[in-house]
Amino acid sequence: MNNPPTTEPVDHETEHYAHDVSNHVRGYLLVGATLLVCTGLTVFLSYVNFGSQKANIAVAMVLATFKAGLVAYIFMHLSAEKKLIYRVLVFTGIFVFALFWLTYLAWYDPITH
């Protein structure tokens, strides 16, 4: 009469897992609070006139980039990644910046205006 293997963790495994989770939960709550504050700041800044619509968009994009980076770094666990992922992210960031720059240049295209 063989007993089926149990999937319940051993006590020392449970203790280690609980310790790791408590460290992550505190970080997640801190990041969540930071994102809430940044969202409130985004709403507040949406009522501020920075002189032009382009300046308003630039301020909103900077704040949105900070929030997206924070989410990627913490919730997507990029803080524990290898160097290769950062090389890919730098390339992606340069590519996105180039696309934003092309959009910016299109606003001043004399052919369409």
C-alpha atoms as a PDB file:
ATOM      1  CA  MET A   1       0.000   0.000   0.000  1.00  0.00           C
ATOM      2  CA  ASN A   2       1.890   2.967  -1.285  1.00  0.00           C
ATOM      3  CA  ASN A   3       0.721   6.376  -0.204  1.00  0.00           C
ATOM      4  CA  PRO A   4       0.502   8.988  -2.963  1.00  0.00           C
ATOM      5  CA  PRO A   5       3.141  11.718  -2.742  1.00  0.00           C
ATOM      6  CA  THR A   6       1.997  14.831  -0.966  1.00  0.00           C
ATOM      7  CA  THR A   7       2.300  18.257  -2.474  1.00  0.00           C
ATOM      8  CA  GLU A   8       2.301  20.042   0.848  1.00  0.00           C
ATOM      9  CA  PRO A   9       5.586  21.851   1.467  1.00  0.00           C
ATOM     10  CA  VAL A  10       7.828  20.934   4.332  1.00  0.00           C
ATOM     11  CA  ASP A  11       7.920  23.391   7.257  1.00  0.00           C
ATOM     12  CA  HIS A  12      11.281  24.935   6.368  1.00  0.00           C
ATOM     13  CA  GLU A  13      10.120  25.450   2.765  1.00  0.00           C
ATOM     14  CA  THR A  14       6.953  27.178   3.979  1.00  0.00           C
ATOM     15  CA  GLU A  15       8.982  29.424   6.247  1.00  0.00           C
ATOM     16  CA  HIS A  16      11.352  30.431   3.436  1.00  0.00           C
ATOM     17  CA  TYR A  17       8.458  31.077   1.024  1.00  0.00           C
ATOM     18  CA  ALA A  18       6.555  33.190   3.561  1.00  0.00           C
ATOM     19  CA  HIS A  19       9.674  35.250   4.235  1.00  0.00           C
ATOM     20  CA  ASP A  20      10.211  35.947   0.530  1.00  0.00           C
ATOM     21  CA  VAL A  21       6.579  36.892  -0.039  1.00  0.00           C
ATOM     22  CA  SER A  22       6.516  39.353   2.848  1.00  0.00           C
ATOM     23  CA  ASN A  23       9.513  41.199   1.379  1.00  0.00           C
ATOM     24  CA  HIS A  24       7.852  41.402  -2.033  1.00  0.00           C
ATOM     25  CA  VAL A  25       4.456  42.466  -0.708  1.00  0.00           C
ATOM     26  CA  ARG A  26       5.973  45.443   1.093  1.00  0.00           C
ATOM     27  CA  GLY A  27       7.718  46.522  -2.126  1.00  0.00           C
ATOM     28  CA  TYR A  28       4.553  46.042  -4.159  1.00  0.00           C
ATOM     29  CA  LEU A  29       2.547  48.149  -1.720  1.00  0.00           C
ATOM     30  CA  LEU A  30       5.182  50.882  -1.830  1.00  0.00           C
ATOM     31  CA  VAL A  31       5.164  50.882  -5.633  1.00  0.00           C
ATOM     32  CA  GLY A  32       1.356  50.877  -5.660  1.00  0.00           C
ATOM     33  CA  ALA A  33       1.302  53.904  -3.349  1.00  0.00           C
ATOM     34  CA  THR A  34       3.872  55.643  -5.557  1.00  0.00           C
ATOM     35  CA  LEU A  35       1.748  54.944  -8.637  1.00  0.00           C
ATOM     36  CA  LEU A  36      -1.328  56.360  -6.895  1.00  0.00           C
ATOM     37  CA  VAL A  37       0.575  59.526  -5.987  1.00  0.00           C
ATOM     38  CA  CYS A  38       1.879  59.829  -9.553  1.00  0.00           C
ATOM     39  CA  THR A  39      -1.638  59.359 -10.918  1.00  0.00           C
ATOM     40  CA  GLY A  40      -2.866  62.147  -8.662  1.00  0.00           C
ATOM     41  CA  LEU A  41       0.043  64.276  -9.882  1.00  0.00           C
ATOM     42  CA  THR A  42      -0.929  63.486 -13.478  1.00  0.00           C
ATOM     43  CA  VAL A  43      -4.499  64.640 -12.850  1.00  0.00           C
ATOM     44  CA  PHE A  44      -3.254  67.804 -11.113  1.00  0.00           C
ATOM     45  CA  LEU A  45      -0.821  68.614 -13.918  1.00  0.00           C
ATOM     46  CA  SER A  46      -3.533  68.126 -16.531  1.00  0.00           C
ATOM     47  CA  TYR A  47      -5.085  71.367 -15.256  1.00  0.00           C
ATOM     48  CA  VAL A  48      -1.806  73.313 -15.424  1.00  0.00           C
ATOM     49  CA  ASN A  49      -1.011  75.201 -18.609  1.00  0.00           C
ATOM     50  CA  PHE A  50       2.691  74.896 -19.464  1.00  0.00           C
ATOM     51  CA  GLY A  51       2.479  77.413 -22.301  1.00  0.00           C
ATOM     52  CA  SER A  52       1.587  75.167 -25.212  1.00  0.00           C
ATOM     53  CA  GLN A  53      -0.113  71.896 -25.963  1.00  0.00           C
ATOM     54  CA  LYS A  54       3.254  70.380 -26.905  1.00  0.00           C
ATOM     55  CA  ALA A  55       4.732  71.270 -23.509  1.00  0.00           C
ATOM     56  CA  ASN A  56       1.689  69.757 -21.778  1.00  0.00           C
ATOM     57  CA  ILE A  57       2.110  66.551 -23.781  1.00  0.00           C
ATOM     58  CA  ALA A  58       5.838  66.457 -23.007  1.00  0.00           C
ATOM     59  CA  VAL A  59       5.189  66.741 -19.253  1.00  0.00           C
ATOM     60  CA  ALA A  60       2.516  64.040 -19.438  1.00  0.00           C
ATOM     61  CA  MET A  61       4.842  61.727 -21.404  1.00  0.00           C
ATOM     62  CA  VAL A  62       7.695  62.172 -18.921  1.00  0.00           C
ATOM     63  CA  LEU A  63       5.425  61.265 -16.016  1.00  0.00           C
ATOM     64  CA  ALA A  64       3.886  58.343 -17.927  1.00  0.00           C
ATOM     65  CA  THR A  65       7.372  57.059 -18.818  1.00  0.00           C
ATOM     66  CA  PHE A  66       8.380  57.165 -15.152  1.00  0.00           C
ATOM     67  CA  LYS A  67       5.270  55.216 -14.142  1.00  0.00           C
ATOM     68  CA  ALA A  68       5.739  52.645 -16.911  1.00  0.00           C
ATOM     69  CA  GLY A  69       9.378  52.185 -15.962  1.00  0.00           C
ATOM     70  CA  LEU A  70       8.444  51.683 -12.331  1.00  0.00           C
ATOM     71  CA  VAL A  71       5.863  49.054 -13.251  1.00  0.00           C
ATOM     72  CA  ALA A  72       8.304  47.261 -15.547  1.00  0.00           C
ATOM     73  CA  TYR A  73      11.118  47.356 -12.996  1.00  0.00           C
ATOM     74  CA  ILE A  74       9.100  46.066 -10.043  1.00  0.00           C
ATOM     75  CA  PHE A  75       6.000  44.202 -11.242  1.00  0.00           C
ATOM     76  CA  MET A  76       7.670  42.667 -14.296  1.00  0.00           C
ATOM     77  CA  HIS A  77      10.735  41.759 -12.190  1.00  0.00           C
ATOM     78  CA  LEU A  78      13.270  43.556 -14.382  1.00  0.00           C
ATOM     79  CA  SER A  79      15.233  44.323 -11.233  1.00  0.00           C
ATOM     80  CA  ALA A  80      16.484  40.714 -11.209  1.00  0.00           C
ATOM     81  CA  GLU A  81      17.212  40.322 -14.917  1.00  0.00           C
ATOM     82  CA  LYS A  82      20.519  39.751 -16.651  1.00  0.00           C
ATOM     83  CA  LYS A  83      22.464  42.309 -18.678  1.00  0.00           C
ATOM     84  CA  LEU A  84      21.025  41.114 -21.991  1.00  0.00           C
ATOM     85  CA  ILE A  85      17.539  42.321 -21.143  1.00  0.00           C
ATOM     86  CA  TYR A  86      18.890  45.792 -20.413  1.00  0.00           C
ATOM     87  CA  ARG A  87      20.615  45.909 -23.775  1.00  0.00           C
ATOM     88  CA  VAL A  88      17.328  45.029 -25.450  1.00  0.00           C
ATOM     89  CA  LEU A  89      15.507  47.628 -23.361  1.00  0.00           C
ATOM     90  CA  VAL A  90      18.040  50.343 -24.256  1.00  0.00           C
ATOM     91  CA  PHE A  91      17.603  49.533 -27.947  1.00  0.00           C
ATOM     92  CA  THR A  92      13.819  49.627 -27.533  1.00  0.00           C
ATOM     93  CA  GLY A  93      14.025  52.952 -25.696  1.00  0.00           C
ATOM     94  CA  ILE A  94      16.167  54.453 -28.459  1.00  0.00           C
ATOM     95  CA  PHE A  95      13.696  53.161 -31.062  1.00  0.00           C
ATOM     96  CA  VAL A  96      10.719  54.662 -29.188  1.00  0.00           C
ATOM     97  CA  PHE A  97      12.561  57.968 -28.786  1.00  0.00           C
ATOM     98  CA  ALA A  98      13.261  57.969 -32.539  1.00  0.00           C
ATOM     99  CA  LEU A  99       9.554  57.423 -33.264  1.00  0.00           C
ATOM    100  CA  PHE A 100       8.626  60.283 -30.919  1.00  0.00           C
ATOM    101  CA  TRP A 101      11.232  62.459 -32.632  1.00  0.00           C
ATOM    102  CA  LEU A 102       9.749  61.654 -36.055  1.00  0.00           C
ATOM    103  CA  THR A 103       6.321  62.661 -34.773  1.00  0.00           C
ATOM    104  CA  TYR A 104       7.789  65.882 -33.428  1.00  0.00           C
ATOM    105  CA  LEU A 105       9.409  66.617 -36.782  1.00  0.00           C
ATOM    106  CA  ALA A 106       6.126  65.906 -38.577  1.00  0.00           C
ATOM    107  CA  TRP A 107       4.484  68.742 -36.642  1.00  0.00           C
ATOM    108  CA  TYR A 108       6.861  71.185 -38.343  1.00  0.00           C
ATOM    109  CA  ASP A 109       6.662  69.718 -41.842  1.00  0.00           C
ATOM    110  CA  PRO A 110       6.251  72.708 -44.189  1.00  0.00           C
ATOM    111  CA  ILE A 111       4.651  70.576 -46.916  1.00  0.00           C
ATOM    112  CA  THR A 112       1.529  69.690 -44.937  1.00  0.00           C
ATOM    113  CA  HIS A 113       1.090  73.078 -43.239  1.00  0.00           C
END
